[in-house]
Amino acid sequence: MSTNHQALLATTGRFRYRGYTQNNGTRELTFEDTVEQKHTVVFHVDVQSLINHHVPFQDAPRLCLLLLSSNPLAVGACEGVVVRIVVSDDVLAGLLAKAETPTSGKKTAR
């Protein structure tokens, strides 16, 4: 796990990234609630939105954690065991504006 992920987990202290699946142009990123251990949060992120915003796929979990850290109590208030959050293009743009990342809006050398 990268230093950025560890720092963000320390901030939220609650969610652990469990992995992703990709189906039909949508990347589903799964996080586990480590405090109450009763919620699983699944983000649905459009792959084309990541490409359009020049976000490397490996940065998607960090951006989702940023979204969780901005309002972790909202997940706790949900009744279901699995909470599904669709990350639209507008939401992704807002997250990039909040995130302090060298990759937002820039292509990185490989």
PDB file of N, CA and C in Angstrom:
ATOM      1  N   MET A   1       0.854  -1.175   0.000  1.00  0.00           N
ATOM      2  CA  MET A   1       0.000   0.000   0.000  1.00  0.00           C
ATOM      3  C   MET A   1       0.897   1.235   0.000  1.00  0.00           C
ATOM      4  N   SER A   2       0.551   2.216  -0.806  1.00  0.00           N
ATOM      5  CA  SER A   2       1.376   3.413  -0.932  1.00  0.00           C
ATOM      6  C   SER A   2       1.252   4.287   0.306  1.00  0.00           C
ATOM      7  N   THR A   3       2.190   5.197   0.455  1.00  0.00           N
ATOM      8  CA  THR A   3       2.173   6.139   1.567  1.00  0.00           C
ATOM      9  C   THR A   3       0.916   6.990   1.529  1.00  0.00           C
ATOM     10  N   ASN A   4       0.476   7.406   0.323  1.00  0.00           N
ATOM     11  CA  ASN A   4      -0.753   8.197   0.211  1.00  0.00           C
ATOM     12  C   ASN A   4      -1.954   7.429   0.738  1.00  0.00           C
ATOM     13  N   HIS A   5      -2.061   6.146   0.394  1.00  0.00           N
ATOM     14  CA  HIS A   5      -3.175   5.339   0.883  1.00  0.00           C
ATOM     15  C   HIS A   5      -3.112   5.210   2.391  1.00  0.00           C
ATOM     16  N   GLN A   6      -1.919   4.990   2.953  1.00  0.00           N
ATOM     17  CA  GLN A   6      -1.778   4.830   4.397  1.00  0.00           C
ATOM     18  C   GLN A   6      -2.158   6.110   5.124  1.00  0.00           C
ATOM     19  N   ALA A   7      -1.736   7.254   4.587  1.00  0.00           N
ATOM     20  CA  ALA A   7      -2.069   8.529   5.216  1.00  0.00           C
ATOM     21  C   ALA A   7      -3.572   8.766   5.200  1.00  0.00           C
ATOM     22  N   LEU A   8      -4.214   8.436   4.103  1.00  0.00           N
ATOM     23  CA  LEU A   8      -5.648   8.646   4.010  1.00  0.00           C
ATOM     24  C   LEU A   8      -6.400   7.666   4.906  1.00  0.00           C
ATOM     25  N   LEU A   9      -5.927   6.439   4.998  1.00  0.00           N
ATOM     26  CA  LEU A   9      -6.545   5.487   5.918  1.00  0.00           C
ATOM     27  C   LEU A   9      -6.401   5.954   7.355  1.00  0.00           C
ATOM     28  N   ALA A  10      -5.270   6.532   7.689  1.00  0.00           N
ATOM     29  CA  ALA A  10      -5.075   7.053   9.034  1.00  0.00           C
ATOM     30  C   ALA A  10      -6.060   8.190   9.306  1.00  0.00           C
ATOM     31  N   THR A  11      -6.351   8.971   8.281  1.00  0.00           N
ATOM     32  CA  THR A  11      -7.294  10.070   8.431  1.00  0.00           C
ATOM     33  C   THR A  11      -8.705   9.531   8.659  1.00  0.00           C
ATOM     34  N   THR A  12      -9.129   8.590   7.838  1.00  0.00           N
ATOM     35  CA  THR A  12     -10.474   8.046   8.005  1.00  0.00           C
ATOM     36  C   THR A  12     -10.481   7.018   9.123  1.00  0.00           C
ATOM     37  N   GLY A  13      -9.395   6.257   9.229  1.00  0.00           N
ATOM     38  CA  GLY A  13      -9.291   5.243  10.265  1.00  0.00           C
ATOM     39  C   GLY A  13     -10.375   4.187  10.187  1.00  0.00           C
ATOM     40  N   ARG A  14     -10.991   4.058   9.057  1.00  0.00           N
ATOM     41  CA  ARG A  14     -12.180   3.226   9.013  1.00  0.00           C
ATOM     42  C   ARG A  14     -12.269   2.281   7.824  1.00  0.00           C
ATOM     43  N   PHE A  15     -11.779   2.653   6.669  1.00  0.00           N
ATOM     44  CA  PHE A  15     -12.001   1.871   5.461  1.00  0.00           C
ATOM     45  C   PHE A  15     -10.706   1.269   4.926  1.00  0.00           C
ATOM     46  N   ARG A  16     -10.808   0.025   4.462  1.00  0.00           N
ATOM     47  CA  ARG A  16      -9.666  -0.675   3.868  1.00  0.00           C
ATOM     48  C   ARG A  16     -10.027  -1.055   2.439  1.00  0.00           C
ATOM     49  N   TYR A  17      -9.128  -0.733   1.525  1.00  0.00           N
ATOM     50  CA  TYR A  17      -9.313  -1.089   0.115  1.00  0.00           C
ATOM     51  C   TYR A  17      -9.123  -2.578  -0.045  1.00  0.00           C
ATOM     52  N   ARG A  18     -10.094  -3.245  -0.687  1.00  0.00           N
ATOM     53  CA  ARG A  18     -10.051  -4.701  -0.839  1.00  0.00           C
ATOM     54  C   ARG A  18      -9.760  -5.142  -2.268  1.00  0.00           C
ATOM     55  N   GLY A  19      -9.865  -4.229  -3.234  1.00  0.00           N
ATOM     56  CA  GLY A  19      -9.587  -4.607  -4.612  1.00  0.00           C
ATOM     57  C   GLY A  19     -10.650  -4.089  -5.559  1.00  0.00           C
ATOM     58  N   TYR A  20     -10.513  -4.523  -6.812  1.00  0.00           N
ATOM     59  CA  TYR A  20     -11.446  -4.046  -7.832  1.00  0.00           C
ATOM     60  C   TYR A  20     -11.773  -5.169  -8.806  1.00  0.00           C
ATOM     61  N   THR A  21     -12.884  -4.945  -9.525  1.00  0.00           N
ATOM     62  CA  THR A  21     -13.233  -5.744 -10.691  1.00  0.00           C
ATOM     63  C   THR A  21     -13.578  -4.751 -11.787  1.00  0.00           C
ATOM     64  N   GLN A  22     -13.502  -5.204 -13.023  1.00  0.00           N
ATOM     65  CA  GLN A  22     -13.844  -4.318 -14.130  1.00  0.00           C
ATOM     66  C   GLN A  22     -14.778  -5.041 -15.071  1.00  0.00           C
ATOM     67  N   ASN A  23     -15.912  -4.413 -15.332  1.00  0.00           N
ATOM     68  CA  ASN A  23     -16.924  -4.980 -16.221  1.00  0.00           C
ATOM     69  C   ASN A  23     -17.489  -3.887 -17.108  1.00  0.00           C
ATOM     70  N   ASN A  24     -17.500  -4.124 -18.411  1.00  0.00           N
ATOM     71  CA  ASN A  24     -18.157  -3.230 -19.367  1.00  0.00           C
ATOM     72  C   ASN A  24     -17.805  -1.755 -19.177  1.00  0.00           C
ATOM     73  N   GLY A  25     -16.548  -1.444 -19.032  1.00  0.00           N
ATOM     74  CA  GLY A  25     -16.123  -0.060 -18.932  1.00  0.00           C
ATOM     75  C   GLY A  25     -16.323   0.586 -17.580  1.00  0.00           C
ATOM     76  N   THR A  26     -16.685  -0.200 -16.585  1.00  0.00           N
ATOM     77  CA  THR A  26     -16.851   0.314 -15.228  1.00  0.00           C
ATOM     78  C   THR A  26     -15.908  -0.432 -14.292  1.00  0.00           C
ATOM     79  N   ARG A  27     -15.163   0.323 -13.527  1.00  0.00           N
ATOM     80  CA  ARG A  27     -14.282  -0.270 -12.519  1.00  0.00           C
ATOM     81  C   ARG A  27     -15.002  -0.189 -11.179  1.00  0.00           C
ATOM     82  N   GLU A  28     -15.168  -1.333 -10.527  1.00  0.00           N
ATOM     83  CA  GLU A  28     -15.834  -1.391  -9.228  1.00  0.00           C
ATOM     84  C   GLU A  28     -14.766  -1.580  -8.160  1.00  0.00           C
ATOM     85  N   LEU A  29     -14.600  -0.564  -7.312  1.00  0.00           N
ATOM     86  CA  LEU A  29     -13.591  -0.593  -6.256  1.00  0.00           C
ATOM     87  C   LEU A  29     -14.285  -0.867  -4.933  1.00  0.00           C
ATOM     88  N   THR A  30     -13.801  -1.857  -4.204  1.00  0.00           N
ATOM     89  CA  THR A  30     -14.460  -2.300  -2.982  1.00  0.00           C
ATOM     90  C   THR A  30     -13.646  -1.919  -1.753  1.00  0.00           C
ATOM     91  N   PHE A  31     -14.341  -1.363  -0.753  1.00  0.00           N
ATOM     92  CA  PHE A  31     -13.736  -0.983   0.518  1.00  0.00           C
ATOM     93  C   PHE A  31     -14.513  -1.641   1.644  1.00  0.00           C
ATOM     94  N   GLU A  32     -13.804  -1.990   2.699  1.00  0.00           N
ATOM     95  CA  GLU A  32     -14.396  -2.651   3.860  1.00  0.00           C
ATOM     96  C   GLU A  32     -14.372  -1.685   5.035  1.00  0.00           C
ATOM     97  N   ASP A  33     -15.473  -1.628   5.766  1.00  0.00           N
ATOM     98  CA  ASP A  33     -15.545  -0.820   6.985  1.00  0.00           C
ATOM     99  C   ASP A  33     -14.838  -1.594   8.091  1.00  0.00           C
ATOM    100  N   THR A  34     -13.718  -1.088   8.570  1.00  0.00           N
ATOM    101  CA  THR A  34     -12.929  -1.815   9.564  1.00  0.00           C
ATOM    102  C   THR A  34     -13.332  -1.494  10.992  1.00  0.00           C
ATOM    103  N   VAL A  35     -14.209  -0.487  11.183  1.00  0.00           N
ATOM    104  CA  VAL A  35     -14.628  -0.123  12.532  1.00  0.00           C
ATOM    105  C   VAL A  35     -15.865  -0.913  12.933  1.00  0.00           C
ATOM    106  N   GLU A  36     -16.952  -0.709  12.200  1.00  0.00           N
ATOM    107  CA  GLU A  36     -18.197  -1.404  12.531  1.00  0.00           C
ATOM    108  C   GLU A  36     -18.275  -2.784  11.891  1.00  0.00           C
ATOM    109  N   GLN A  37     -17.493  -3.003  10.872  1.00  0.00           N
ATOM    110  CA  GLN A  37     -17.414  -4.270  10.148  1.00  0.00           C
ATOM    111  C   GLN A  37     -18.777  -4.782   9.687  1.00  0.00           C
ATOM    112  N   LYS A  38     -19.654  -3.843   9.323  1.00  0.00           N
ATOM    113  CA  LYS A  38     -20.952  -4.268   8.812  1.00  0.00           C
ATOM    114  C   LYS A  38     -21.253  -3.704   7.437  1.00  0.00           C
ATOM    115  N   HIS A  39     -20.356  -2.866   6.920  1.00  0.00           N
ATOM    116  CA  HIS A  39     -20.573  -2.263   5.612  1.00  0.00           C
ATOM    117  C   HIS A  39     -19.454  -2.614   4.655  1.00  0.00           C
ATOM    118  N   THR A  40     -19.844  -2.823   3.432  1.00  0.00           N
ATOM    119  CA  THR A  40     -18.912  -2.881   2.315  1.00  0.00           C
ATOM    120  C   THR A  40     -19.331  -1.767   1.377  1.00  0.00           C
ATOM    121  N   VAL A  41     -18.381  -0.947   0.969  1.00  0.00           N
ATOM    122  CA  VAL A  41     -18.674   0.170   0.077  1.00  0.00           C
ATOM    123  C   VAL A  41     -18.083  -0.157  -1.285  1.00  0.00           C
ATOM    124  N   VAL A  42     -18.921  -0.089  -2.320  1.00  0.00           N
ATOM    125  CA  VAL A  42     -18.478  -0.373  -3.682  1.00  0.00           C
ATOM    126  C   VAL A  42     -18.674   0.890  -4.518  1.00  0.00           C
ATOM    127  N   PHE A  43     -17.573   1.398  -5.068  1.00  0.00           N
ATOM    128  CA  PHE A  43     -17.618   2.553  -5.957  1.00  0.00           C
ATOM    129  C   PHE A  43     -17.664   2.058  -7.386  1.00  0.00           C
ATOM    130  N   HIS A  44     -18.530   2.642  -8.185  1.00  0.00           N
ATOM    131  CA  HIS A  44     -18.615   2.353  -9.609  1.00  0.00           C
ATOM    132  C   HIS A  44     -18.034   3.557 -10.345  1.00  0.00           C
ATOM    133  N   VAL A  45     -16.874   3.358 -10.957  1.00  0.00           N
ATOM    134  CA  VAL A  45     -16.172   4.453 -11.629  1.00  0.00           C
ATOM    135  C   VAL A  45     -16.075   4.131 -13.116  1.00  0.00           C
ATOM    136  N   ASP A  46     -16.511   5.064 -13.931  1.00  0.00           N
ATOM    137  CA  ASP A  46     -16.439   4.906 -15.372  1.00  0.00           C
ATOM    138  C   ASP A  46     -14.984   5.011 -15.822  1.00  0.00           C
ATOM    139  N   VAL A  47     -14.489   3.980 -16.485  1.00  0.00           N
ATOM    140  CA  VAL A  47     -13.098   3.944 -16.933  1.00  0.00           C
ATOM    141  C   VAL A  47     -12.804   5.110 -17.881  1.00  0.00           C
ATOM    142  N   GLN A  48     -13.737   5.432 -18.751  1.00  0.00           N
ATOM    143  CA  GLN A  48     -13.518   6.529 -19.690  1.00  0.00           C
ATOM    144  C   GLN A  48     -13.355   7.856 -18.958  1.00  0.00           C
ATOM    145  N   SER A  49     -14.056   8.049 -17.842  1.00  0.00           N
ATOM    146  CA  SER A  49     -13.883   9.270 -17.051  1.00  0.00           C
ATOM    147  C   SER A  49     -12.466   9.359 -16.491  1.00  0.00           C
ATOM    148  N   LEU A  50     -11.937   8.230 -16.030  1.00  0.00           N
ATOM    149  CA  LEU A  50     -10.554   8.220 -15.538  1.00  0.00           C
ATOM    150  C   LEU A  50      -9.591   8.622 -16.653  1.00  0.00           C
ATOM    151  N   ILE A  51      -9.825   8.065 -17.830  1.00  0.00           N
ATOM    152  CA  ILE A  51      -8.956   8.372 -18.975  1.00  0.00           C
ATOM    153  C   ILE A  51      -9.101   9.846 -19.365  1.00  0.00           C
ATOM    154  N   ASN A  52     -10.341  10.340 -19.434  1.00  0.00           N
ATOM    155  CA  ASN A  52     -10.580  11.734 -19.827  1.00  0.00           C
ATOM    156  C   ASN A  52      -9.906  12.728 -18.884  1.00  0.00           C
ATOM    157  N   HIS A  53      -9.841  12.385 -17.603  1.00  0.00           N
ATOM    158  CA  HIS A  53      -9.243  13.276 -16.601  1.00  0.00           C
ATOM    159  C   HIS A  53      -7.764  12.955 -16.353  1.00  0.00           C
ATOM    160  N   HIS A  54      -7.217  12.058 -17.155  1.00  0.00           N
ATOM    161  CA  HIS A  54      -5.800  11.671 -17.044  1.00  0.00           C
ATOM    162  C   HIS A  54      -5.459  11.127 -15.662  1.00  0.00           C
ATOM    163  N   VAL A  55      -6.376  10.353 -15.096  1.00  0.00           N
ATOM    164  CA  VAL A  55      -6.161   9.748 -13.786  1.00  0.00           C
ATOM    165  C   VAL A  55      -5.657   8.323 -13.995  1.00  0.00           C
ATOM    166  N   PRO A  56      -4.456   8.024 -13.531  1.00  0.00           N
ATOM    167  CA  PRO A  56      -3.984   6.638 -13.625  1.00  0.00           C
ATOM    168  C   PRO A  56      -4.909   5.716 -12.821  1.00  0.00           C
ATOM    169  N   PHE A  57      -5.136   4.534 -13.318  1.00  0.00           N
ATOM    170  CA  PHE A  57      -6.045   3.610 -12.642  1.00  0.00           C
ATOM    171  C   PHE A  57      -5.640   3.384 -11.189  1.00  0.00           C
ATOM    172  N   GLN A  58      -4.335   3.379 -10.906  1.00  0.00           N
ATOM    173  CA  GLN A  58      -3.883   3.102  -9.549  1.00  0.00           C
ATOM    174  C   GLN A  58      -4.216   4.251  -8.588  1.00  0.00           C
ATOM    175  N   ASP A  59      -4.604   5.424  -9.098  1.00  0.00           N
ATOM    176  CA  ASP A  59      -5.005   6.532  -8.230  1.00  0.00           C
ATOM    177  C   ASP A  59      -6.485   6.484  -7.865  1.00  0.00           C
ATOM    178  N   ALA A  60      -7.265   5.661  -8.536  1.00  0.00           N
ATOM    179  CA  ALA A  60      -8.709   5.601  -8.281  1.00  0.00           C
ATOM    180  C   ALA A  60      -9.041   5.237  -6.830  1.00  0.00           C
ATOM    181  N   PRO A  61      -8.359   4.247  -6.210  1.00  0.00           N
ATOM    182  CA  PRO A  61      -8.689   3.944  -4.808  1.00  0.00           C
ATOM    183  C   PRO A  61      -8.459   5.139  -3.875  1.00  0.00           C
ATOM    184  N   ARG A  62      -7.393   5.877  -4.111  1.00  0.00           N
ATOM    185  CA  ARG A  62      -7.099   7.035  -3.263  1.00  0.00           C
ATOM    186  C   ARG A  62      -8.192   8.096  -3.406  1.00  0.00           C
ATOM    187  N   LEU A  63      -8.671   8.310  -4.625  1.00  0.00           N
ATOM    188  CA  LEU A  63      -9.738   9.286  -4.841  1.00  0.00           C
ATOM    189  C   LEU A  63     -11.034   8.826  -4.171  1.00  0.00           C
ATOM    190  N   CYS A  64     -11.315   7.537  -4.220  1.00  0.00           N
ATOM    191  CA  CYS A  64     -12.514   7.021  -3.544  1.00  0.00           C
ATOM    192  C   CYS A  64     -12.388   7.166  -2.028  1.00  0.00           C
ATOM    193  N   LEU A  65     -11.197   6.919  -1.491  1.00  0.00           N
ATOM    194  CA  LEU A  65     -10.981   7.128  -0.056  1.00  0.00           C
ATOM    195  C   LEU A  65     -11.160   8.595   0.311  1.00  0.00           C
ATOM    196  N   LEU A  66     -10.756   9.476  -0.580  1.00  0.00           N
ATOM    197  CA  LEU A  66     -10.952  10.906  -0.345  1.00  0.00           C
ATOM    198  C   LEU A  66     -12.445  11.210  -0.240  1.00  0.00           C
ATOM    199  N   LEU A  67     -13.231  10.617  -1.109  1.00  0.00           N
ATOM    200  CA  LEU A  67     -14.676  10.808  -1.061  1.00  0.00           C
ATOM    201  C   LEU A  67     -15.250  10.244   0.244  1.00  0.00           C
ATOM    202  N   LEU A  68     -14.787   9.077   0.659  1.00  0.00           N
ATOM    203  CA  LEU A  68     -15.247   8.491   1.920  1.00  0.00           C
ATOM    204  C   LEU A  68     -14.848   9.352   3.112  1.00  0.00           C
ATOM    205  N   SER A  69     -13.642   9.894   3.084  1.00  0.00           N
ATOM    206  CA  SER A  69     -13.169  10.689   4.224  1.00  0.00           C
ATOM    207  C   SER A  69     -13.918  12.005   4.346  1.00  0.00           C
ATOM    208  N   SER A  70     -14.498  12.479   3.233  1.00  0.00           N
ATOM    209  CA  SER A  70     -15.233  13.735   3.295  1.00  0.00           C
ATOM    210  C   SER A  70     -16.571  13.574   4.004  1.00  0.00           C
ATOM    211  N   ASN A  71     -17.104  12.356   4.075  1.00  0.00           N
ATOM    212  CA  ASN A  71     -18.370  12.133   4.765  1.00  0.00           C
ATOM    213  C   ASN A  71     -18.514  10.669   5.185  1.00  0.00           C
ATOM    214  N   PRO A  72     -17.646  10.172   6.090  1.00  0.00           N
ATOM    215  CA  PRO A  72     -17.728   8.758   6.470  1.00  0.00           C
ATOM    216  C   PRO A  72     -18.992   8.398   7.234  1.00  0.00           C
ATOM    217  N   LEU A  73     -19.622   9.367   7.907  1.00  0.00           N
ATOM    218  CA  LEU A  73     -20.824   9.069   8.676  1.00  0.00           C
ATOM    219  C   LEU A  73     -22.000   8.731   7.778  1.00  0.00           C
ATOM    220  N   ALA A  74     -21.992   9.216   6.551  1.00  0.00           N
ATOM    221  CA  ALA A  74     -23.075   8.913   5.615  1.00  0.00           C
ATOM    222  C   ALA A  74     -23.151   7.421   5.353  1.00  0.00           C
ATOM    223  N   VAL A  75     -21.992   6.762   5.284  1.00  0.00           N
ATOM    224  CA  VAL A  75     -21.983   5.314   5.077  1.00  0.00           C
ATOM    225  C   VAL A  75     -22.531   4.610   6.308  1.00  0.00           C
ATOM    226  N   GLY A  76     -22.160   5.087   7.489  1.00  0.00           N
ATOM    227  CA  GLY A  76     -22.651   4.482   8.727  1.00  0.00           C
ATOM    228  C   GLY A  76     -24.149   4.593   8.881  1.00  0.00           C
ATOM    229  N   ALA A  77     -24.735   5.632   8.288  1.00  0.00           N
ATOM    230  CA  ALA A  77     -26.179   5.838   8.386  1.00  0.00           C
ATOM    231  C   ALA A  77     -26.962   4.957   7.414  1.00  0.00           C
ATOM    232  N   CYS A  78     -26.265   4.327   6.466  1.00  0.00           N
ATOM    233  CA  CYS A  78     -26.945   3.482   5.483  1.00  0.00           C
ATOM    234  C   CYS A  78     -27.418   2.199   6.135  1.00  0.00           C
ATOM    235  N   GLU A  79     -28.575   1.734   5.719  1.00  0.00           N
ATOM    236  CA  GLU A  79     -29.150   0.531   6.300  1.00  0.00           C
ATOM    237  C   GLU A  79     -28.589  -0.743   5.696  1.00  0.00           C
ATOM    238  N   GLY A  80     -28.184  -0.677   4.447  1.00  0.00           N
ATOM    239  CA  GLY A  80     -27.735  -1.880   3.766  1.00  0.00           C
ATOM    240  C   GLY A  80     -26.324  -2.295   4.160  1.00  0.00           C
ATOM    241  N   VAL A  81     -26.026  -3.548   3.894  1.00  0.00           N
ATOM    242  CA  VAL A  81     -24.696  -4.073   4.165  1.00  0.00           C
ATOM    243  C   VAL A  81     -23.734  -3.630   3.075  1.00  0.00           C
ATOM    244  N   VAL A  82     -24.214  -3.579   1.827  1.00  0.00           N
ATOM    245  CA  VAL A  82     -23.388  -3.134   0.709  1.00  0.00           C
ATOM    246  C   VAL A  82     -23.891  -1.762   0.270  1.00  0.00           C
ATOM    247  N   VAL A  83     -23.006  -0.791   0.329  1.00  0.00           N
ATOM    248  CA  VAL A  83     -23.328   0.574  -0.084  1.00  0.00           C
ATOM    249  C   VAL A  83     -22.689   0.790  -1.445  1.00  0.00           C
ATOM    250  N   ARG A  84     -23.480   1.150  -2.438  1.00  0.00           N
ATOM    251  CA  ARG A  84     -22.970   1.370  -3.794  1.00  0.00           C
ATOM    252  C   ARG A  84     -22.981   2.865  -4.101  1.00  0.00           C
ATOM    253  N   ILE A  85     -21.840   3.368  -4.559  1.00  0.00           N
ATOM    254  CA  ILE A  85     -21.694   4.780  -4.880  1.00  0.00           C
ATOM    255  C   ILE A  85     -21.221   4.892  -6.322  1.00  0.00           C
ATOM    256  N   VAL A  86     -21.985   5.597  -7.134  1.00  0.00           N
ATOM    257  CA  VAL A  86     -21.602   5.822  -8.531  1.00  0.00           C
ATOM    258  C   VAL A  86     -20.808   7.123  -8.584  1.00  0.00           C
ATOM    259  N   VAL A  87     -19.597   7.033  -9.101  1.00  0.00           N
ATOM    260  CA  VAL A  87     -18.750   8.216  -9.240  1.00  0.00           C
ATOM    261  C   VAL A  87     -18.922   8.737 -10.667  1.00  0.00           C
ATOM    262  N   SER A  88     -19.712   9.785 -10.790  1.00  0.00           N
ATOM    263  CA  SER A  88     -19.965  10.375 -12.111  1.00  0.00           C
ATOM    264  C   SER A  88     -18.766  11.211 -12.538  1.00  0.00           C
ATOM    265  N   ASP A  89     -18.798  11.657 -13.767  1.00  0.00           N
ATOM    266  CA  ASP A  89     -17.730  12.503 -14.289  1.00  0.00           C
ATOM    267  C   ASP A  89     -17.608  13.783 -13.465  1.00  0.00           C
ATOM    268  N   ASP A  90     -18.737  14.372 -13.075  1.00  0.00           N
ATOM    269  CA  ASP A  90     -18.721  15.591 -12.261  1.00  0.00           C
ATOM    270  C   ASP A  90     -18.127  15.343 -10.881  1.00  0.00           C
ATOM    271  N   VAL A  91     -18.482  14.218 -10.269  1.00  0.00           N
ATOM    272  CA  VAL A  91     -17.930  13.878  -8.959  1.00  0.00           C
ATOM    273  C   VAL A  91     -16.419  13.674  -9.063  1.00  0.00           C
ATOM    274  N   LEU A  92     -15.993  12.988 -10.108  1.00  0.00           N
ATOM    275  CA  LEU A  92     -14.562  12.771 -10.313  1.00  0.00           C
ATOM    276  C   LEU A  92     -13.832  14.099 -10.485  1.00  0.00           C
ATOM    277  N   ALA A  93     -14.393  15.016 -11.241  1.00  0.00           N
ATOM    278  CA  ALA A  93     -13.780  16.337 -11.424  1.00  0.00           C
ATOM    279  C   ALA A  93     -13.667  17.069 -10.091  1.00  0.00           C
ATOM    280  N   GLY A  94     -14.689  16.972  -9.265  1.00  0.00           N
ATOM    281  CA  GLY A  94     -14.655  17.602  -7.941  1.00  0.00           C
ATOM    282  C   GLY A  94     -13.605  16.986  -7.035  1.00  0.00           C
ATOM    283  N   LEU A  95     -13.481  15.668  -7.091  1.00  0.00           N
ATOM    284  CA  LEU A  95     -12.461  14.992  -6.284  1.00  0.00           C
ATOM    285  C   LEU A  95     -11.066  15.416  -6.709  1.00  0.00           C
ATOM    286  N   LEU A  96     -10.864  15.524  -8.010  1.00  0.00           N
ATOM    287  CA  LEU A  96      -9.550  15.944  -8.504  1.00  0.00           C
ATOM    288  C   LEU A  96      -9.229  17.365  -8.061  1.00  0.00           C
ATOM    289  N   ALA A  97     -10.236  18.207  -7.980  1.00  0.00           N
ATOM    290  CA  ALA A  97     -10.014  19.573  -7.521  1.00  0.00           C
ATOM    291  C   ALA A  97      -9.599  19.587  -6.053  1.00  0.00           C
ATOM    292  N   LYS A  98     -10.150  18.652  -5.246  1.00  0.00           N
ATOM    293  CA  LYS A  98      -9.806  18.555  -3.830  1.00  0.00           C
ATOM    294  C   LYS A  98      -8.451  17.902  -3.604  1.00  0.00           C
ATOM    295  N   ALA A  99      -8.164  16.910  -4.418  1.00  0.00           N
ATOM    296  CA  ALA A  99      -6.965  16.093  -4.209  1.00  0.00           C
ATOM    297  C   ALA A  99      -5.703  16.878  -4.532  1.00  0.00           C
ATOM    298  N   GLU A 100      -4.723  16.683  -3.721  1.00  0.00           N
ATOM    299  CA  GLU A 100      -3.413  17.258  -4.013  1.00  0.00           C
ATOM    300  C   GLU A 100      -2.590  16.163  -4.660  1.00  0.00           C
ATOM    301  N   THR A 101      -2.708  16.066  -5.975  1.00  0.00           N
ATOM    302  CA  THR A 101      -2.036  14.993  -6.680  1.00  0.00           C
ATOM    303  C   THR A 101      -1.316  15.562  -7.889  1.00  0.00           C
ATOM    304  N   PRO A 102      -0.115  15.074  -8.152  1.00  0.00           N
ATOM    305  CA  PRO A 102       0.590  15.562  -9.333  1.00  0.00           C
ATOM    306  C   PRO A 102      -0.003  15.067 -10.625  1.00  0.00           C
ATOM    307  N   THR A 103      -0.939  14.102 -10.556  1.00  0.00           N
ATOM    308  CA  THR A 103      -1.478  13.508 -11.780  1.00  0.00           C
ATOM    309  C   THR A 103      -2.751  14.196 -12.249  1.00  0.00           C
ATOM    310  N   SER A 104      -3.355  15.033 -11.426  1.00  0.00           N
ATOM    311  CA  SER A 104      -4.613  15.635 -11.857  1.00  0.00           C
ATOM    312  C   SER A 104      -4.353  16.613 -12.993  1.00  0.00           C
ATOM    313  N   GLY A 105      -4.939  16.300 -14.124  1.00  0.00           N
ATOM    314  CA  GLY A 105      -4.821  17.160 -15.279  1.00  0.00           C
ATOM    315  C   GLY A 105      -3.499  17.064 -16.015  1.00  0.00           C
ATOM    316  N   LYS A 106      -2.634  16.198 -15.586  1.00  0.00           N
ATOM    317  CA  LYS A 106      -1.327  16.070 -16.239  1.00  0.00           C
ATOM    318  C   LYS A 106      -1.046  14.611 -16.546  1.00  0.00           C
ATOM    319  N   LYS A 107      -0.392  14.389 -17.637  1.00  0.00           N
ATOM    320  CA  LYS A 107       0.068  13.044 -17.947  1.00  0.00           C
ATOM    321  C   LYS A 107       1.438  12.863 -17.319  1.00  0.00           C
ATOM    322  N   THR A 108       1.669  11.687 -16.785  1.00  0.00           N
ATOM    323  CA  THR A 108       2.956  11.422 -16.171  1.00  0.00           C
ATOM    324  C   THR A 108       3.794  10.569 -17.099  1.00  0.00           C
ATOM    325  N   ALA A 109       5.086  10.752 -17.039  1.00  0.00           N
ATOM    326  CA  ALA A 109       6.006   9.934 -17.854  1.00  0.00           C
ATOM    327  C   ALA A 109       6.010   8.523 -17.306  1.00  0.00           C
ATOM    328  N   ARG A 110       6.099   7.573 -18.171  1.00  0.00           N
ATOM    329  CA  ARG A 110       6.107   6.174 -17.732  1.00  0.00           C
ATOM    330  C   ARG A 110       7.494   5.606 -17.894  1.00  0.00           C
TER     331      ARG A 110
END
